[in-house]
PDB file of N, CA and C in Angstrom:
ATOM      1  N   MET A   1     -17.694   8.678  10.167  1.00  0.00           N
ATOM      2  CA  MET A   1     -16.560   8.460  11.048  1.00  0.00           C
ATOM      3  C   MET A   1     -15.301   8.315  10.184  1.00  0.00           C
ATOM      4  N   ASN A   2     -14.332   9.157  10.422  1.00  0.00           N
ATOM      5  CA  ASN A   2     -13.046   9.036   9.744  1.00  0.00           C
ATOM      6  C   ASN A   2     -12.336   7.785  10.258  1.00  0.00           C
ATOM      7  N   PRO A   3     -11.519   7.168   9.410  1.00  0.00           N
ATOM      8  CA  PRO A   3     -10.776   5.990   9.882  1.00  0.00           C
ATOM      9  C   PRO A   3      -9.917   6.332  11.100  1.00  0.00           C
ATOM     10  N   LYS A   4      -9.945   5.464  12.070  1.00  0.00           N
ATOM     11  CA  LYS A   4      -9.164   5.644  13.292  1.00  0.00           C
ATOM     12  C   LYS A   4      -8.127   4.537  13.353  1.00  0.00           C
ATOM     13  N   ILE A   5      -6.851   4.917  13.381  1.00  0.00           N
ATOM     14  CA  ILE A   5      -5.776   3.929  13.457  1.00  0.00           C
ATOM     15  C   ILE A   5      -5.619   3.479  14.900  1.00  0.00           C
ATOM     16  N   LEU A   6      -5.779   2.194  15.116  1.00  0.00           N
ATOM     17  CA  LEU A   6      -5.674   1.626  16.454  1.00  0.00           C
ATOM     18  C   LEU A   6      -4.273   1.130  16.758  1.00  0.00           C
ATOM     19  N   HIS A   7      -3.584   0.650  15.718  1.00  0.00           N
ATOM     20  CA  HIS A   7      -2.267   0.052  15.916  1.00  0.00           C
ATOM     21  C   HIS A   7      -1.549   0.014  14.574  1.00  0.00           C
ATOM     22  N   ILE A   8      -0.229   0.123  14.595  1.00  0.00           N
ATOM     23  CA  ILE A   8       0.538  -0.046  13.359  1.00  0.00           C
ATOM     24  C   ILE A   8       1.550  -1.171  13.539  1.00  0.00           C
ATOM     25  N   MET A   9       1.838  -1.860  12.423  1.00  0.00           N
ATOM     26  CA  MET A   9       2.768  -2.982  12.424  1.00  0.00           C
ATOM     27  C   MET A   9       3.736  -2.812  11.266  1.00  0.00           C
ATOM     28  N   PRO A  10       4.982  -3.228  11.406  1.00  0.00           N
ATOM     29  CA  PRO A  10       5.946  -3.111  10.303  1.00  0.00           C
ATOM     30  C   PRO A  10       5.480  -3.890   9.081  1.00  0.00           C
ATOM     31  N   ALA A  11       5.883  -3.407   7.920  1.00  0.00           N
ATOM     32  CA  ALA A  11       5.531  -4.070   6.661  1.00  0.00           C
ATOM     33  C   ALA A  11       6.799  -4.383   5.872  1.00  0.00           C
ATOM     34  N   ASN A  12       7.780  -4.924   6.573  1.00  0.00           N
ATOM     35  CA  ASN A  12       9.051  -5.258   5.923  1.00  0.00           C
ATOM     36  C   ASN A  12       8.822  -6.171   4.734  1.00  0.00           C
ATOM     37  N   ASP A  13       9.483  -5.845   3.617  1.00  0.00           N
ATOM     38  CA  ASP A  13       9.451  -6.661   2.401  1.00  0.00           C
ATOM     39  C   ASP A  13       8.089  -6.708   1.714  1.00  0.00           C
ATOM     40  N   TRP A  14       7.193  -5.774   2.005  1.00  0.00           N
ATOM     41  CA  TRP A  14       5.903  -5.688   1.330  1.00  0.00           C
ATOM     42  C   TRP A  14       5.886  -4.467   0.422  1.00  0.00           C
ATOM     43  N   TYR A  15       5.251  -4.621  -0.742  1.00  0.00           N
ATOM     44  CA  TYR A  15       5.164  -3.547  -1.735  1.00  0.00           C
ATOM     45  C   TYR A  15       3.740  -3.433  -2.263  1.00  0.00           C
ATOM     46  N   ALA A  16       3.346  -2.204  -2.602  1.00  0.00           N
ATOM     47  CA  ALA A  16       2.083  -1.963  -3.296  1.00  0.00           C
ATOM     48  C   ALA A  16       2.373  -1.905  -4.785  1.00  0.00           C
ATOM     49  N   LEU A  17       1.565  -2.575  -5.577  1.00  0.00           N
ATOM     50  CA  LEU A  17       1.674  -2.500  -7.027  1.00  0.00           C
ATOM     51  C   LEU A  17       0.780  -1.360  -7.489  1.00  0.00           C
ATOM     52  N   ILE A  18       1.371  -0.419  -8.205  1.00  0.00           N
ATOM     53  CA  ILE A  18       0.652   0.769  -8.656  1.00  0.00           C
ATOM     54  C   ILE A  18       0.827   0.889 -10.162  1.00  0.00           C
ATOM     55  N   SER A  19      -0.285   1.046 -10.894  1.00  0.00           N
ATOM     56  CA  SER A  19      -0.169   1.236 -12.344  1.00  0.00           C
ATOM     57  C   SER A  19      -0.082   2.724 -12.650  1.00  0.00           C
ATOM     58  N   ASP A  20       0.529   3.064 -13.787  1.00  0.00           N
ATOM     59  CA  ASP A  20       0.618   4.468 -14.180  1.00  0.00           C
ATOM     60  C   ASP A  20      -0.733   4.934 -14.723  1.00  0.00           C
ATOM     61  N   ASP A  21      -0.824   6.211 -15.082  1.00  0.00           N
ATOM     62  CA  ASP A  21      -2.088   6.798 -15.532  1.00  0.00           C
ATOM     63  C   ASP A  21      -2.687   6.073 -16.732  1.00  0.00           C
ATOM     64  N   GLU A  22      -1.843   5.620 -17.634  1.00  0.00           N
ATOM     65  CA  GLU A  22      -2.333   4.941 -18.829  1.00  0.00           C
ATOM     66  C   GLU A  22      -2.589   3.454 -18.597  1.00  0.00           C
ATOM     67  N   GLY A  23      -2.114   2.927 -17.481  1.00  0.00           N
ATOM     68  CA  GLY A  23      -2.265   1.503 -17.208  1.00  0.00           C
ATOM     69  C   GLY A  23      -1.312   0.635 -18.008  1.00  0.00           C
ATOM     70  N   SER A  24      -0.288   1.272 -18.601  1.00  0.00           N
ATOM     71  CA  SER A  24       0.630   0.514 -19.453  1.00  0.00           C
ATOM     72  C   SER A  24       1.800  -0.093 -18.691  1.00  0.00           C
ATOM     73  N   SER A  25       2.087   0.398 -17.492  1.00  0.00           N
ATOM     74  CA  SER A  25       3.182  -0.180 -16.715  1.00  0.00           C
ATOM     75  C   SER A  25       2.823  -0.174 -15.231  1.00  0.00           C
ATOM     76  N   VAL A  26       3.548  -1.004 -14.503  1.00  0.00           N
ATOM     77  CA  VAL A  26       3.307  -1.167 -13.069  1.00  0.00           C
ATOM     78  C   VAL A  26       4.582  -0.842 -12.316  1.00  0.00           C
ATOM     79  N   GLY A  27       4.448  -0.107 -11.208  1.00  0.00           N
ATOM     80  CA  GLY A  27       5.580   0.186 -10.347  1.00  0.00           C
ATOM     81  C   GLY A  27       5.350  -0.403  -8.963  1.00  0.00           C
ATOM     82  N   TYR A  28       6.423  -0.509  -8.211  1.00  0.00           N
ATOM     83  CA  TYR A  28       6.357  -1.059  -6.859  1.00  0.00           C
ATOM     84  C   TYR A  28       6.684   0.040  -5.861  1.00  0.00           C
ATOM     85  N   GLU A  29       5.786   0.253  -4.925  1.00  0.00           N
ATOM     86  CA  GLU A  29       5.971   1.264  -3.882  1.00  0.00           C
ATOM     87  C   GLU A  29       6.135   0.531  -2.553  1.00  0.00           C
ATOM     88  N   PRO A  30       7.263   0.713  -1.840  1.00  0.00           N
ATOM     89  CA  PRO A  30       7.438  -0.012  -0.575  1.00  0.00           C
ATOM     90  C   PRO A  30       6.431   0.446   0.482  1.00  0.00           C
ATOM     91  N   LEU A  31       5.859  -0.512   1.184  1.00  0.00           N
ATOM     92  CA  LEU A  31       4.937  -0.160   2.266  1.00  0.00           C
ATOM     93  C   LEU A  31       5.723   0.345   3.459  1.00  0.00           C
ATOM     94  N   THR A  32       5.142   1.299   4.148  1.00  0.00           N
ATOM     95  CA  THR A  32       5.728   1.811   5.376  1.00  0.00           C
ATOM     96  C   THR A  32       5.293   0.952   6.558  1.00  0.00           C
ATOM     97  N   CYS A  33       3.995   0.606   6.571  1.00  0.00           N
ATOM     98  CA  CYS A  33       3.453  -0.198   7.662  1.00  0.00           C
ATOM     99  C   CYS A  33       2.091  -0.740   7.275  1.00  0.00           C
ATOM    100  N   PHE A  34       1.585  -1.618   8.126  1.00  0.00           N
ATOM    101  CA  PHE A  34       0.189  -2.025   8.074  1.00  0.00           C
ATOM    102  C   PHE A  34      -0.487  -1.369   9.268  1.00  0.00           C
ATOM    103  N   ALA A  35      -1.696  -0.877   9.074  1.00  0.00           N
ATOM    104  CA  ALA A  35      -2.424  -0.225  10.153  1.00  0.00           C
ATOM    105  C   ALA A  35      -3.703  -0.993  10.468  1.00  0.00           C
ATOM    106  N   LEU A  36      -3.935  -1.231  11.748  1.00  0.00           N
ATOM    107  CA  LEU A  36      -5.209  -1.775  12.200  1.00  0.00           C
ATOM    108  C   LEU A  36      -6.140  -0.579  12.322  1.00  0.00           C
ATOM    109  N   VAL A  37      -7.175  -0.540  11.484  1.00  0.00           N
ATOM    110  CA  VAL A  37      -8.008   0.649  11.338  1.00  0.00           C
ATOM    111  C   VAL A  37      -9.453   0.332  11.684  1.00  0.00           C
ATOM    112  N   GLN A  38     -10.071   1.260  12.395  1.00  0.00           N
ATOM    113  CA  GLN A  38     -11.486   1.141  12.714  1.00  0.00           C
ATOM    114  C   GLN A  38     -12.226   2.249  11.962  1.00  0.00           C
ATOM    115  N   SER A  39     -13.300   1.886  11.264  1.00  0.00           N
ATOM    116  CA  SER A  39     -14.083   2.878  10.525  1.00  0.00           C
ATOM    117  C   SER A  39     -15.542   2.446  10.507  1.00  0.00           C
ATOM    118  N   GLU A  40     -16.381   3.342  10.015  1.00  0.00           N
ATOM    119  CA  GLU A  40     -17.801   3.048   9.932  1.00  0.00           C
ATOM    120  C   GLU A  40     -18.151   2.754   8.478  1.00  0.00           C
ATOM    121  N   HIS A  41     -18.878   1.661   8.259  1.00  0.00           N
ATOM    122  CA  HIS A  41     -19.305   1.281   6.920  1.00  0.00           C
ATOM    123  C   HIS A  41     -20.759   0.842   6.988  1.00  0.00           C
ATOM    124  N   GLU A  42     -21.643   1.605   6.349  1.00  0.00           N
ATOM    125  CA  GLU A  42     -23.076   1.313   6.346  1.00  0.00           C
ATOM    126  C   GLU A  42     -23.606   1.121   7.765  1.00  0.00           C
ATOM    127  N   ALA A  43     -23.312   2.083   8.624  1.00  0.00           N
ATOM    128  CA  ALA A  43     -23.777   2.123  10.017  1.00  0.00           C
ATOM    129  C   ALA A  43     -23.187   1.030  10.904  1.00  0.00           C
ATOM    130  N   ASN A  44     -22.169   0.313  10.424  1.00  0.00           N
ATOM    131  CA  ASN A  44     -21.481  -0.700  11.230  1.00  0.00           C
ATOM    132  C   ASN A  44     -20.042  -0.269  11.453  1.00  0.00           C
ATOM    133  N   ILE A  45     -19.510  -0.577  12.616  1.00  0.00           N
ATOM    134  CA  ILE A  45     -18.103  -0.329  12.902  1.00  0.00           C
ATOM    135  C   ILE A  45     -17.315  -1.516  12.358  1.00  0.00           C
ATOM    136  N   VAL A  46     -16.328  -1.218  11.504  1.00  0.00           N
ATOM    137  CA  VAL A  46     -15.529  -2.251  10.850  1.00  0.00           C
ATOM    138  C   VAL A  46     -14.074  -2.070  11.270  1.00  0.00           C
ATOM    139  N   THR A  47     -13.412  -3.166  11.595  1.00  0.00           N
ATOM    140  CA  THR A  47     -11.991  -3.146  11.913  1.00  0.00           C
ATOM    141  C   THR A  47     -11.272  -3.981  10.872  1.00  0.00           C
ATOM    142  N   GLU A  48     -10.229  -3.383  10.261  1.00  0.00           N
ATOM    143  CA  GLU A  48      -9.490  -4.079   9.212  1.00  0.00           C
ATOM    144  C   GLU A  48      -8.029  -3.649   9.224  1.00  0.00           C
ATOM    145  N   VAL A  49      -7.204  -4.453   8.591  1.00  0.00           N
ATOM    146  CA  VAL A  49      -5.788  -4.127   8.427  1.00  0.00           C
ATOM    147  C   VAL A  49      -5.611  -3.538   7.042  1.00  0.00           C
ATOM    148  N   ARG A  50      -4.978  -2.349   6.977  1.00  0.00           N
ATOM    149  CA  ARG A  50      -4.794  -1.664   5.704  1.00  0.00           C
ATOM    150  C   ARG A  50      -3.331  -1.279   5.519  1.00  0.00           C
ATOM    151  N   PRO A  51      -2.849  -1.347   4.282  1.00  0.00           N
ATOM    152  CA  PRO A  51      -1.452  -0.994   4.005  1.00  0.00           C
ATOM    153  C   PRO A  51      -1.281   0.516   3.897  1.00  0.00           C
ATOM    154  N   MET A  52      -0.099   1.004   4.308  1.00  0.00           N
ATOM    155  CA  MET A  52       0.202   2.432   4.211  1.00  0.00           C
ATOM    156  C   MET A  52       1.550   2.641   3.527  1.00  0.00           C
ATOM    157  N   VAL A  53       1.649   3.738   2.770  1.00  0.00           N
ATOM    158  CA  VAL A  53       2.888   4.120   2.099  1.00  0.00           C
ATOM    159  C   VAL A  53       3.186   5.579   2.399  1.00  0.00           C
ATOM    160  N   TRP A  54       4.442   5.947   2.208  1.00  0.00           N
ATOM    161  CA  TRP A  54       4.878   7.324   2.404  1.00  0.00           C
ATOM    162  C   TRP A  54       4.761   8.039   1.062  1.00  0.00           C
ATOM    163  N   VAL A  55       3.998   9.121   0.992  1.00  0.00           N
ATOM    164  CA  VAL A  55       3.847   9.922  -0.219  1.00  0.00           C
ATOM    165  C   VAL A  55       4.146  11.374   0.133  1.00  0.00           C
ATOM    166  N   ASP A  56       5.155  11.922  -0.517  1.00  0.00           N
ATOM    167  CA  ASP A  56       5.596  13.303  -0.267  1.00  0.00           C
ATOM    168  C   ASP A  56       5.930  13.503   1.215  1.00  0.00           C
ATOM    169  N   THR A  57       5.032  14.119   1.971  1.00  0.00           N
ATOM    170  CA  THR A  57       5.326  14.425   3.376  1.00  0.00           C
ATOM    171  C   THR A  57       4.370  13.750   4.355  1.00  0.00           C
ATOM    172  N   ALA A  58       3.637  12.731   3.885  1.00  0.00           N
ATOM    173  CA  ALA A  58       2.658  12.092   4.760  1.00  0.00           C
ATOM    174  C   ALA A  58       2.497  10.612   4.413  1.00  0.00           C
ATOM    175  N   MET A  59       2.008   9.869   5.383  1.00  0.00           N
ATOM    176  CA  MET A  59       1.656   8.477   5.126  1.00  0.00           C
ATOM    177  C   MET A  59       0.196   8.436   4.721  1.00  0.00           C
ATOM    178  N   VAL A  60      -0.092   7.626   3.694  1.00  0.00           N
ATOM    179  CA  VAL A  60      -1.466   7.480   3.201  1.00  0.00           C
ATOM    180  C   VAL A  60      -1.777   5.996   3.048  1.00  0.00           C
ATOM    181  N   PHE A  61      -3.057   5.689   2.976  1.00  0.00           N
ATOM    182  CA  PHE A  61      -3.459   4.304   2.758  1.00  0.00           C
ATOM    183  C   PHE A  61      -3.157   3.941   1.309  1.00  0.00           C
ATOM    184  N   ALA A  62      -2.385   2.901   1.116  1.00  0.00           N
ATOM    185  CA  ALA A  62      -1.977   2.474  -0.226  1.00  0.00           C
ATOM    186  C   ALA A  62      -3.180   2.084  -1.072  1.00  0.00           C
ATOM    187  N   ASP A  63      -4.188   1.484  -0.446  1.00  0.00           N
ATOM    188  CA  ASP A  63      -5.353   1.038  -1.212  1.00  0.00           C
ATOM    189  C   ASP A  63      -6.240   2.181  -1.679  1.00  0.00           C
ATOM    190  N   GLU A  64      -5.920   3.426  -1.301  1.00  0.00           N
ATOM    191  CA  GLU A  64      -6.650   4.597  -1.775  1.00  0.00           C
ATOM    192  C   GLU A  64      -5.894   5.329  -2.884  1.00  0.00           C
ATOM    193  N   LEU A  65      -4.680   4.896  -3.200  1.00  0.00           N
ATOM    194  CA  LEU A  65      -3.903   5.537  -4.256  1.00  0.00           C
ATOM    195  C   LEU A  65      -4.508   5.227  -5.621  1.00  0.00           C
ATOM    196  N   GLU A  66      -4.500   6.227  -6.491  1.00  0.00           N
ATOM    197  CA  GLU A  66      -4.962   5.999  -7.854  1.00  0.00           C
ATOM    198  C   GLU A  66      -4.021   5.003  -8.524  1.00  0.00           C
ATOM    199  N   GLY A  67      -4.581   4.005  -9.147  1.00  0.00           N
ATOM    200  CA  GLY A  67      -3.782   2.986  -9.814  1.00  0.00           C
ATOM    201  C   GLY A  67      -3.399   1.809  -8.928  1.00  0.00           C
ATOM    202  N   PHE A  68      -3.853   1.800  -7.646  1.00  0.00           N
ATOM    203  CA  PHE A  68      -3.535   0.680  -6.755  1.00  0.00           C
ATOM    204  C   PHE A  68      -4.081  -0.614  -7.337  1.00  0.00           C
ATOM    205  N   ILE A  69      -3.226  -1.649  -7.375  1.00  0.00           N
ATOM    206  CA  ILE A  69      -3.634  -2.946  -7.913  1.00  0.00           C
ATOM    207  C   ILE A  69      -3.721  -3.996  -6.808  1.00  0.00           C
ATOM    208  N   ASP A  70      -2.607  -4.178  -6.084  1.00  0.00           N
ATOM    209  CA  ASP A  70      -2.542  -5.269  -5.114  1.00  0.00           C
ATOM    210  C   ASP A  70      -1.303  -5.084  -4.257  1.00  0.00           C
ATOM    211  N   LEU A  71      -1.077  -6.035  -3.349  1.00  0.00           N
ATOM    212  CA  LEU A  71       0.121  -6.069  -2.517  1.00  0.00           C
ATOM    213  C   LEU A  71       0.923  -7.311  -2.856  1.00  0.00           C
ATOM    214  N   GLU A  72       2.242  -7.203  -2.758  1.00  0.00           N
ATOM    215  CA  GLU A  72       3.107  -8.364  -2.964  1.00  0.00           C
ATOM    216  C   GLU A  72       4.277  -8.304  -2.002  1.00  0.00           C
ATOM    217  N   ARG A  73       4.731  -9.491  -1.606  1.00  0.00           N
ATOM    218  CA  ARG A  73       5.940  -9.590  -0.790  1.00  0.00           C
ATOM    219  C   ARG A  73       7.142  -9.555  -1.711  1.00  0.00           C
ATOM    220  N   LEU A  74       8.270  -9.158  -1.191  1.00  0.00           N
ATOM    221  CA  LEU A  74       9.497  -9.049  -1.965  1.00  0.00           C
ATOM    222  C   LEU A  74       9.833 -10.359  -2.670  1.00  0.00           C
ATOM    223  N   GLU A  75       9.685 -11.486  -1.974  1.00  0.00           N
ATOM    224  CA  GLU A  75      10.026 -12.780  -2.575  1.00  0.00           C
ATOM    225  C   GLU A  75       9.108 -13.130  -3.746  1.00  0.00           C
ATOM    226  N   GLU A  76       7.880 -12.595  -3.776  1.00  0.00           N
ATOM    227  CA  GLU A  76       6.966 -12.841  -4.889  1.00  0.00           C
ATOM    228  C   GLU A  76       7.307 -11.980  -6.091  1.00  0.00           C
ATOM    229  N   ILE A  77       7.900 -10.811  -5.839  1.00  0.00           N
ATOM    230  CA  ILE A  77       8.240  -9.882  -6.908  1.00  0.00           C
ATOM    231  C   ILE A  77       9.454 -10.381  -7.679  1.00  0.00           C
ATOM    232  N   GLY A  78      10.444 -10.884  -6.948  1.00  0.00           N
ATOM    233  CA  GLY A  78      11.637 -11.462  -7.562  1.00  0.00           C
ATOM    234  C   GLY A  78      12.431 -10.469  -8.384  1.00  0.00           C
ATOM    235  N   ASP A  79      12.776 -10.866  -9.599  1.00  0.00           N
ATOM    236  CA  ASP A  79      13.645 -10.077 -10.462  1.00  0.00           C
ATOM    237  C   ASP A  79      12.990  -8.793 -10.961  1.00  0.00           C
ATOM    238  N   ASP A  80      11.668  -8.695 -10.934  1.00  0.00           N
ATOM    239  CA  ASP A  80      10.999  -7.486 -11.412  1.00  0.00           C
ATOM    240  C   ASP A  80      11.470  -6.253 -10.646  1.00  0.00           C
ATOM    241  N   LEU A  81      11.643  -6.377  -9.328  1.00  0.00           N
ATOM    242  CA  LEU A  81      12.076  -5.242  -8.523  1.00  0.00           C
ATOM    243  C   LEU A  81      13.514  -4.871  -8.841  1.00  0.00           C
ATOM    244  N   ASP A  82      14.383  -5.856  -9.037  1.00  0.00           N
ATOM    245  CA  ASP A  82      15.785  -5.585  -9.394  1.00  0.00           C
ATOM    246  C   ASP A  82      15.849  -4.801 -10.704  1.00  0.00           C
ATOM    247  N   GLU A  83      15.061  -5.205 -11.687  1.00  0.00           N
ATOM    248  CA  GLU A  83      15.045  -4.505 -12.976  1.00  0.00           C
ATOM    249  C   GLU A  83      14.516  -3.089 -12.820  1.00  0.00           C
ATOM    250  N   LEU A  84      13.497  -2.907 -11.993  1.00  0.00           N
ATOM    251  CA  LEU A  84      12.932  -1.588 -11.767  1.00  0.00           C
ATOM    252  C   LEU A  84      13.959  -0.669 -11.115  1.00  0.00           C
ATOM    253  N   GLU A  85      14.700  -1.163 -10.110  1.00  0.00           N
ATOM    254  CA  GLU A  85      15.702  -0.350  -9.427  1.00  0.00           C
ATOM    255  C   GLU A  85      16.858  -0.011 -10.359  1.00  0.00           C
ATOM    256  N   GLU A  86      17.226  -0.924 -11.264  1.00  0.00           N
ATOM    257  CA  GLU A  86      18.295  -0.649 -12.214  1.00  0.00           C
ATOM    258  C   GLU A  86      17.875   0.445 -13.196  1.00  0.00           C
ATOM    259  N   ASP A  87      16.598   0.498 -13.568  1.00  0.00           N
ATOM    260  CA  ASP A  87      16.101   1.495 -14.502  1.00  0.00           C
ATOM    261  C   ASP A  87      16.093   2.900 -13.896  1.00  0.00           C
ATOM    262  N   GLN A  88      15.985   2.987 -12.578  1.00  0.00           N
ATOM    263  CA  GLN A  88      15.867   4.305 -11.932  1.00  0.00           C
ATOM    264  C   GLN A  88      17.184   4.961 -11.698  1.00  0.00           C
TER     265      GLN A  88
END
C-alpha cells in the first residue's frame, strides 16, 4: 500500500536538518507541511504524521531525503539559520 495522505497541516517555523553527501555540514530545509499519512507496515495499517518539503517541482517526505537527520523549530535553530542565509 502506497502512503495515503489523509490531511495536511501547516509547518510554519519548522525545518528539516539535512547533511551533505560527505556528512561534513548540515543545511536547513524549510518544511512545507506536516501530513497525516496512512500506510501499511508489516500487514498493519499505520497512521502517522510526517514532514514534507518542496524539492524541485514536487513535495516529498522530508524523512525520506538522503542525509535527513531530524526536525527543528526556528526558535531552536537560532543564529545558525541567520548565518546560513547570510552565506547564500
